[in-house]
Amino acid sequence: MSFIPEVKMDFIPSDDDDASEDNISTEINDFNEEKDITQEEIEEKKEDPLEESVPKPKSKREGMDVNEIFNMPNDTYVKDVKLTKKGKPRKPRPPMSEAHKEKLKAAREKAMAVRKAKAQEKNKEQEKLKAQIRRAVAPQQEYHNPFAGCY
């Protein structure tokens, strides 16, 4: 609430309601839109002084142009050039010929076949070792025929 209500301690309500209605109607008739201020206008006046008292800061980047600041060239791009020990730029490697690519492909396939063969050989050796360990740990059991001697 923006106002403090007035409290009357000795107020005794009367049974006459017509007097209070007349009082309200006179207050409504006394209201003049041109002279009196509405609640909305009061709130607008409260907001305006705050905005006027604090000016908006100017942006430092408002008038800046990045190309002017850094003196950047427009369309030129320099690739990283590797230099030799003497300081001369290295020559780029020429592209591979089709024959060279075929040789590399054949060598890759041959190396893969050798790797697979070695892996299979290693697998066989591991199986042999596992079988030896099983035989060494568990003694060989004699075969027992339950029907022996029944005939």
Foldseek 3Di string as FASTA:
>chain_A
DPDDDDDDDPDDDDPDPVVVVVVVVVVVVPDDPVPDDDPVRVVVVVVVVVDVVDDDDDDPCPPDDVCVVVVDDDPDDDDDFDADPVGHTDDDDDDDDPVVVVVVVVVVVVVVVVVVVVVVVVVVVVVVVVVVVVPVVDPDDDDDDPCPPVD
